[in-house]
């Protein structure tokens, strides 16, 4: 976890910022800062669990001088709503990823197909020069300081027959989220992508409206897609991450010692999330194997990457594509 340029105090504004001093029963300010943390995952998700641990660590390290209230499950709006609410001063902290592309183009790199061969490769990029560039852009373009990152499980393709190469995708109807890059890359690879809401995917698979879908294994398990799909094809086509971010102004308003304590808590929360992520991956894999779904490990990932590359280049700006090639090359250099 790297520290942002929080030392530069933002210019005073007329906002009513959510992080403010509380008032006790006698009417005296007790100098307690209350932050609101919003996110779109439900309370059983690892993101929420990590948010709770982060809030606990912040309270502990600041001696309850900075308290974080958490609002999961889109209680205060969508991911875009959550980001805007921080910018407007209504809330303070959120969890977000490639959605930040709305404000800063390089954020698209948080979820580009076949940018990374392994999770270790992804971590080295996040914690290296490219990651620092992305974080600086978020800070300067969006007005948010990344406190720490959390990994997402790789996205895999499910089907009722094995899909090992792009040639197997002919006539294959695949559900994708409403992400233009995903639509174009799967179309370029030979599939027929359709945008369908996640809550409609099970029925779509059951009724044959679509032939397959792509998601991280945890969503495959939690949505029961193994009941209507025979194969989990280990395409691992997207490895991605998200950030826990705080408003620049909200962080700058804290006294220096509390800022440092919040950043220390963030570093520990990141380590906690990493440990839990690895535990969760193992448990989900075991759970899926127990369902009887067959893992197709015989996937030519390089063939998929090459097939998708023209769509990746077409969807990225010149700067983003250059950074993408640097990300890919970093693993090749290590080999």
Protein backbone atom coordinates (compact mmCIF):
# COMPACT_ATOMS: atom_id res chain seq x y z
CA UNK A 1 0.00 0.00 0.00
CA UNK A 2 1.37 3.35 -1.01
CA UNK A 3 0.56 6.72 0.44
CA UNK A 4 -1.07 9.33 -1.76
CA UNK A 5 -0.31 13.04 -1.80
CA UNK A 6 -2.66 13.66 1.07
CA UNK A 7 -0.30 16.23 2.58
CA UNK A 8 -1.63 18.92 0.27
CA UNK A 9 -4.66 20.39 1.98
CA UNK A 10 -7.50 20.97 -0.48
CA UNK A 11 -8.90 24.45 -0.83
CA UNK A 12 -11.72 25.31 1.52
CA UNK A 13 -15.19 24.79 0.11
CA UNK A 14 -18.74 25.42 1.14
CA UNK A 15 -19.64 21.75 1.30
CA UNK A 16 -21.16 20.18 4.35
CA UNK A 17 -18.73 17.28 4.58
CA UNK A 18 -19.99 14.06 6.13
CA UNK A 19 -16.77 13.58 8.11
CA UNK A 20 -17.21 16.13 10.87
CA UNK A 21 -16.88 16.56 14.60
CA UNK A 22 -19.58 15.03 16.75
CA UNK A 23 -21.35 16.92 19.51
CA UNK A 24 -21.83 15.39 22.95
CA UNK A 25 -24.86 15.75 25.24
CA UNK A 26 -23.50 18.95 26.74
CA UNK A 27 -23.28 20.54 23.31
CA UNK A 28 -19.46 20.40 23.22
CA UNK A 29 -17.61 19.04 20.21
CA UNK A 30 -15.72 15.89 21.09
CA UNK A 31 -13.46 16.02 17.99
CA UNK A 32 -14.62 12.64 16.74
CA UNK A 33 -14.65 12.29 12.95
CA UNK A 34 -17.42 10.13 11.51
CA UNK A 35 -16.93 8.73 8.02
CA UNK A 36 -19.52 6.93 5.92
CA UNK A 37 -18.23 3.98 3.85
CA UNK A 38 -20.56 2.80 1.08
CA UNK A 39 -20.25 -0.18 -1.27
CA UNK A 40 -22.37 -2.34 -3.57
CA UNK A 41 -21.61 -5.84 -2.19
CA UNK A 42 -23.79 -7.65 0.32
CA UNK A 43 -22.84 -8.12 3.94
CA UNK A 44 -21.60 -11.69 3.36
CA UNK A 45 -19.01 -10.64 0.76
CA UNK A 46 -15.28 -10.41 1.47
CA UNK A 47 -15.33 -6.71 0.55
CA UNK A 48 -17.73 -6.02 3.41
CA UNK A 49 -15.78 -8.22 5.79
CA UNK A 50 -12.62 -6.28 4.91
CA UNK A 51 -14.43 -2.95 5.27
CA UNK A 52 -15.46 -3.98 8.78
CA UNK A 53 -11.88 -4.93 9.63
CA UNK A 54 -10.61 -1.61 8.25
CA UNK A 55 -13.17 0.29 10.36
CA UNK A 56 -12.14 -1.69 13.44
CA UNK A 57 -8.44 -0.97 12.84
CA UNK A 58 -9.07 2.75 12.27
CA UNK A 59 -11.06 3.04 15.48
CA UNK A 60 -8.41 1.14 17.41
CA UNK A 61 -5.45 3.12 16.08
CA UNK A 62 -7.10 6.53 16.47
CA UNK A 63 -8.48 5.72 19.94
CA UNK A 64 -12.04 6.08 18.56
CA UNK A 65 -11.32 9.55 17.17
CA UNK A 66 -12.12 8.37 13.62
CA UNK A 67 -15.18 6.13 13.35
CA UNK A 68 -16.43 4.56 10.12
CA UNK A 69 -20.07 3.60 9.56
CA UNK A 70 -20.56 1.07 6.74
CA UNK A 71 -23.50 0.93 4.31
CA UNK A 72 -23.31 -2.25 2.15
CA UNK A 73 -25.52 -3.68 -0.58
CA UNK A 74 -26.02 -0.44 -2.55
CA UNK A 75 -27.99 1.10 0.34
CA UNK A 76 -26.87 4.58 -0.73
CA UNK A 77 -26.85 4.00 -4.48
CA UNK A 78 -24.84 2.52 -7.31
CA UNK A 79 -21.05 2.54 -7.61
CA UNK A 80 -21.20 5.77 -9.61
CA UNK A 81 -23.59 7.25 -7.04
CA UNK A 82 -21.17 6.33 -4.27
CA UNK A 83 -18.27 8.06 -6.00
CA UNK A 84 -20.32 11.18 -6.68
CA UNK A 85 -21.52 11.31 -3.08
CA UNK A 86 -17.91 11.52 -1.90
CA UNK A 87 -17.18 14.27 -4.40
CA UNK A 88 -20.23 16.19 -3.15
CA UNK A 89 -19.30 15.60 0.51
CA UNK A 90 -22.29 13.43 1.47
CA UNK A 91 -20.15 10.34 2.16
CA UNK A 92 -16.44 9.69 2.55
CA UNK A 93 -15.19 6.23 1.56
CA UNK A 94 -16.20 3.63 -1.03
CA UNK A 95 -15.01 0.52 -2.87
CA UNK A 96 -14.58 0.89 -6.62
CA UNK A 97 -12.67 -0.34 -9.65
CA UNK A 98 -12.79 0.12 -13.42
CA UNK A 99 -15.93 2.25 -13.04
CA UNK A 100 -13.46 5.07 -12.30
CA UNK A 101 -12.83 5.11 -16.07
CA UNK A 102 -15.78 7.54 -16.21
CA UNK A 103 -13.43 10.15 -14.73
CA UNK A 104 -9.91 8.90 -15.53
CA UNK A 105 -9.12 6.82 -18.65
CA UNK A 106 -6.31 4.71 -17.16
CA UNK A 107 -8.76 3.09 -14.72
CA UNK A 108 -9.89 0.82 -17.57
CA UNK A 109 -6.63 -1.04 -16.98
CA UNK A 110 -8.09 -2.47 -13.76
CA UNK A 111 -10.03 -5.04 -15.85
CA UNK A 112 -8.48 -5.61 -19.29
CA UNK A 113 -8.53 -9.18 -20.68
CA UNK A 114 -5.26 -11.08 -20.55
CA UNK A 115 -3.18 -8.31 -19.03
CA UNK A 116 -1.81 -10.74 -16.41
CA UNK A 117 -0.80 -14.38 -16.46
CA UNK A 118 -0.86 -14.86 -12.70
CA UNK A 119 -2.05 -13.12 -9.54
CA UNK A 120 1.60 -12.49 -8.61
CA UNK A 121 2.11 -10.75 -11.95
CA UNK A 122 -0.92 -8.55 -11.26
CA UNK A 123 0.33 -7.65 -7.78
CA UNK A 124 3.73 -6.63 -9.14
CA UNK A 125 2.03 -4.25 -11.59
CA UNK A 126 -0.34 -2.80 -8.98
CA UNK A 127 2.54 -2.16 -6.61
CA UNK A 128 4.90 -0.90 -9.32
CA UNK A 129 5.19 2.16 -11.54
CA UNK A 130 2.01 1.49 -13.54
CA UNK A 131 -0.01 1.06 -10.36
CA UNK A 132 1.40 4.32 -9.01
CA UNK A 133 0.40 6.06 -12.25
CA UNK A 134 -3.17 4.76 -11.99
CA UNK A 135 -3.44 5.78 -8.32
CA UNK A 136 -2.06 9.25 -9.03
CA UNK A 137 -4.60 9.68 -11.84
CA UNK A 138 -7.43 8.67 -9.51
CA UNK A 139 -6.23 11.16 -6.94
CA UNK A 140 -5.82 14.03 -9.39
CA UNK A 141 -8.67 13.37 -11.83
CA UNK A 142 -11.34 12.00 -9.50
CA UNK A 143 -10.45 13.64 -6.19
CA UNK A 144 -10.13 10.30 -4.39
CA UNK A 145 -7.13 8.79 -2.60
CA UNK A 146 -6.69 5.01 -2.94
CA UNK A 147 -6.09 3.69 0.57
CA UNK A 148 -5.53 0.04 -0.35
CA UNK A 149 -6.46 -2.49 -3.01
CA UNK A 150 -8.21 -5.85 -2.97
CA UNK A 151 -7.83 -8.58 -5.57
CA UNK A 152 -10.71 -10.10 -7.47
CA UNK A 153 -10.77 -13.78 -8.50
CA UNK A 154 -10.06 -14.42 -12.20
CA UNK A 155 -13.09 -14.57 -14.52
CA UNK A 156 -13.74 -17.97 -16.14
CA UNK A 157 -16.08 -19.19 -18.86
CA UNK A 158 -18.76 -21.83 -18.20
CA UNK A 159 -20.50 -23.99 -20.81
CA UNK A 160 -22.18 -27.35 -21.45
CA UNK A 161 -19.31 -28.65 -23.58
CA UNK A 162 -15.57 -27.93 -23.23
CA UNK A 163 -14.30 -24.66 -24.68
CA UNK A 164 -10.53 -24.87 -25.14
CA UNK A 165 -9.78 -22.54 -28.06
CA UNK A 166 -11.54 -19.62 -29.78
CA UNK A 167 -12.56 -22.04 -32.55
CA UNK A 168 -14.91 -23.69 -30.02
CA UNK A 169 -16.86 -20.43 -29.68
CA UNK A 170 -18.54 -20.57 -33.09
CA UNK A 171 -22.28 -20.02 -32.54
CA UNK A 172 -21.75 -19.81 -28.77
CA UNK A 173 -24.11 -17.36 -27.06
CA UNK A 174 -22.37 -15.89 -24.03
CA UNK A 175 -23.75 -13.55 -21.39
CA UNK A 176 -21.51 -10.60 -20.53
CA UNK A 177 -22.05 -7.56 -18.29
CA UNK A 178 -22.73 -4.22 -19.94
CA UNK A 179 -19.06 -3.47 -20.52
CA UNK A 180 -18.22 -2.47 -24.12
CA UNK A 181 -14.72 -3.92 -23.83
CA UNK A 182 -16.11 -7.32 -22.81
CA UNK A 183 -18.71 -7.28 -25.59
CA UNK A 184 -16.12 -6.50 -28.23
CA UNK A 185 -13.44 -8.93 -27.03
CA UNK A 186 -15.79 -11.91 -26.90
CA UNK A 187 -17.25 -11.00 -30.28
CA UNK A 188 -13.72 -10.74 -31.73
CA UNK A 189 -12.93 -14.17 -30.28
CA UNK A 190 -15.86 -15.68 -32.20
CA UNK A 191 -18.69 -15.81 -29.65
CA UNK A 192 -22.09 -14.12 -29.77
CA UNK A 193 -22.17 -11.97 -26.63
CA UNK A 194 -25.40 -10.71 -25.08
CA UNK A 195 -25.92 -8.25 -22.23
CA UNK A 196 -28.19 -9.80 -19.59
CA UNK A 197 -28.69 -8.78 -15.98
CA UNK A 198 -26.91 -11.08 -13.55
CA UNK A 199 -30.17 -12.03 -11.84
CA UNK A 200 -31.52 -13.32 -15.18
CA UNK A 201 -28.50 -15.43 -16.15
CA UNK A 202 -29.57 -18.66 -14.41
CA UNK A 203 -32.92 -18.70 -16.21
CA UNK A 204 -31.23 -17.78 -19.49
CA UNK A 205 -28.88 -20.74 -19.16
CA UNK A 206 -31.67 -23.07 -18.05
CA UNK A 207 -33.89 -22.15 -21.00
CA UNK A 208 -31.08 -22.15 -23.57
CA UNK A 209 -31.35 -18.43 -24.31
CA UNK A 210 -27.58 -18.35 -23.81
CA UNK A 211 -25.01 -21.15 -23.93
CA UNK A 212 -22.67 -19.90 -21.25
CA UNK A 213 -21.47 -17.02 -19.10
CA UNK A 214 -18.22 -15.67 -17.68
CA UNK A 215 -17.65 -14.63 -14.09
CA UNK A 216 -15.30 -15.19 -11.16
CA UNK A 217 -15.75 -18.59 -9.52
CA UNK A 218 -17.29 -17.11 -6.38
CA UNK A 219 -20.18 -15.67 -8.41
CA UNK A 220 -20.53 -18.94 -10.31
CA UNK A 221 -20.92 -20.71 -6.97
CA UNK A 222 -23.16 -18.18 -5.23
CA UNK A 223 -25.53 -17.96 -8.22
CA UNK A 224 -25.78 -21.74 -8.67
CA UNK A 225 -24.70 -21.68 -12.33
CA UNK A 226 -23.10 -25.12 -11.81
CA UNK A 227 -26.65 -26.51 -11.73
CA UNK A 228 -27.18 -25.58 -15.40
CA UNK A 229 -23.61 -25.74 -16.74
CA UNK A 230 -21.39 -28.80 -17.13
CA UNK A 231 -17.96 -27.21 -17.62
CA UNK A 232 -15.90 -24.54 -15.95
CA UNK A 233 -13.33 -23.60 -18.60
CA UNK A 234 -10.24 -22.13 -16.93
CA UNK A 235 -9.86 -19.19 -19.31
CA UNK A 236 -8.82 -16.79 -16.52
CA UNK A 237 -9.38 -14.07 -19.11
CA UNK A 238 -9.66 -11.15 -16.67
CA UNK A 239 -7.63 -10.69 -13.49
CA UNK A 240 -8.61 -7.46 -11.79
CA UNK A 241 -8.57 -5.48 -8.58
CA UNK A 242 -10.48 -2.74 -6.81
CA UNK A 243 -9.58 0.10 -4.47
CA UNK A 244 -10.91 1.33 -1.17
CA UNK A 245 -10.83 5.09 -1.71
CA UNK A 246 -11.44 8.15 0.45
CA UNK A 247 -12.14 11.72 -0.61
CA UNK A 248 -8.96 13.82 -0.84
CA UNK A 249 -10.54 16.57 1.22
CA UNK A 250 -11.85 14.22 3.89
CA UNK A 251 -8.40 12.72 4.37
CA UNK A 252 -6.67 16.10 4.36
CA UNK A 253 -9.02 17.41 7.06
CA UNK A 254 -7.72 14.87 9.57
CA UNK A 255 -4.88 15.90 11.89
CA UNK A 256 -1.52 14.57 10.67
CA UNK A 257 -1.30 11.85 13.32
CA UNK A 258 -4.78 10.54 12.48
CA UNK A 259 -3.99 10.53 8.76
CA UNK A 260 -0.95 8.41 9.49
CA UNK A 261 -3.02 6.06 11.66
CA UNK A 262 -5.66 5.67 8.94
CA UNK A 263 -2.94 4.79 6.42
CA UNK A 264 -1.46 2.26 8.83
CA UNK A 265 -4.90 0.71 9.25
CA UNK A 266 -5.25 0.58 5.46
CA UNK A 267 -1.97 -1.29 5.10
CA UNK A 268 -3.06 -3.86 7.66
CA UNK A 269 -6.51 -4.18 6.08
CA UNK A 270 -4.88 -4.89 2.72
CA UNK A 271 -2.85 -7.73 4.25
CA UNK A 272 -6.02 -9.05 5.90
CA UNK A 273 -7.91 -8.96 2.58
CA UNK A 274 -5.08 -10.79 0.82
CA UNK A 275 -5.05 -13.62 3.38
CA UNK A 276 -8.84 -13.98 3.26
CA UNK A 277 -8.84 -13.83 -0.56
CA UNK A 278 -6.54 -16.84 -0.79
CA UNK A 279 -8.59 -18.77 1.78
CA UNK A 280 -11.83 -17.97 -0.05
CA UNK A 281 -10.43 -19.07 -3.42
CA UNK A 282 -9.52 -22.49 -2.04
CA UNK A 283 -12.91 -22.93 -0.37
CA UNK A 284 -14.85 -21.89 -3.49
CA UNK A 285 -12.83 -24.27 -5.69
CA UNK A 286 -13.51 -27.16 -3.30
CA UNK A 287 -17.20 -26.28 -3.19
CA UNK A 288 -17.45 -26.25 -6.99
CA UNK A 289 -15.58 -29.53 -7.38
CA UNK A 290 -18.05 -31.08 -4.92
CA UNK A 291 -20.95 -30.02 -7.16
CA UNK A 292 -19.63 -32.19 -9.99
CA UNK A 293 -18.96 -29.42 -12.49
CA UNK A 294 -15.92 -30.38 -14.57
CA UNK A 295 -12.90 -28.08 -14.61
CA UNK A 296 -11.50 -27.84 -18.14
CA UNK A 297 -7.84 -27.02 -17.57
CA UNK A 298 -6.98 -27.67 -21.23
CA UNK A 299 -7.56 -24.05 -22.30
CA UNK A 300 -5.20 -22.29 -24.71
CA UNK A 301 -5.19 -18.93 -22.94
CA UNK A 302 -2.63 -17.46 -25.32
CA UNK A 303 -4.90 -18.25 -28.28
CA UNK A 304 -7.75 -16.42 -26.55
CA UNK A 305 -5.51 -13.43 -25.82
CA UNK A 306 -4.37 -13.22 -29.43
CA UNK A 307 -7.96 -13.49 -30.67
CA UNK A 308 -9.10 -10.69 -28.35
CA UNK A 309 -6.13 -8.39 -28.91
CA UNK A 310 -7.61 -6.40 -31.87
CA UNK A 311 -10.69 -5.54 -29.76
CA UNK A 312 -8.52 -4.63 -26.78
CA UNK A 313 -6.47 -2.24 -28.93
CA UNK A 314 -9.62 -0.73 -30.46
CA UNK A 315 -11.19 -0.07 -27.04
CA UNK A 316 -8.14 1.45 -25.37
CA UNK A 317 -6.75 4.88 -25.99
CA UNK A 318 -3.17 5.18 -27.19
CA UNK A 319 -1.77 5.76 -23.69
CA UNK A 320 -3.83 2.94 -22.18
CA UNK A 321 -2.79 0.49 -24.89
CA UNK A 322 0.89 1.31 -24.37
CA UNK A 323 0.48 0.71 -20.64
CA UNK A 324 -1.35 -2.55 -21.38
CA UNK A 325 1.57 -3.76 -23.48
CA UNK A 326 3.95 -2.80 -20.67
CA UNK A 327 1.85 -4.80 -18.22
CA UNK A 328 1.97 -7.87 -20.46
CA UNK A 329 5.71 -7.44 -21.11
CA UNK A 330 6.53 -7.28 -17.40
CA UNK A 331 5.66 -10.96 -16.93
CA UNK A 332 7.62 -11.94 -20.05
CA UNK A 333 10.70 -10.15 -18.72
CA UNK A 334 10.42 -12.00 -15.40
CA UNK A 335 10.35 -15.31 -17.25
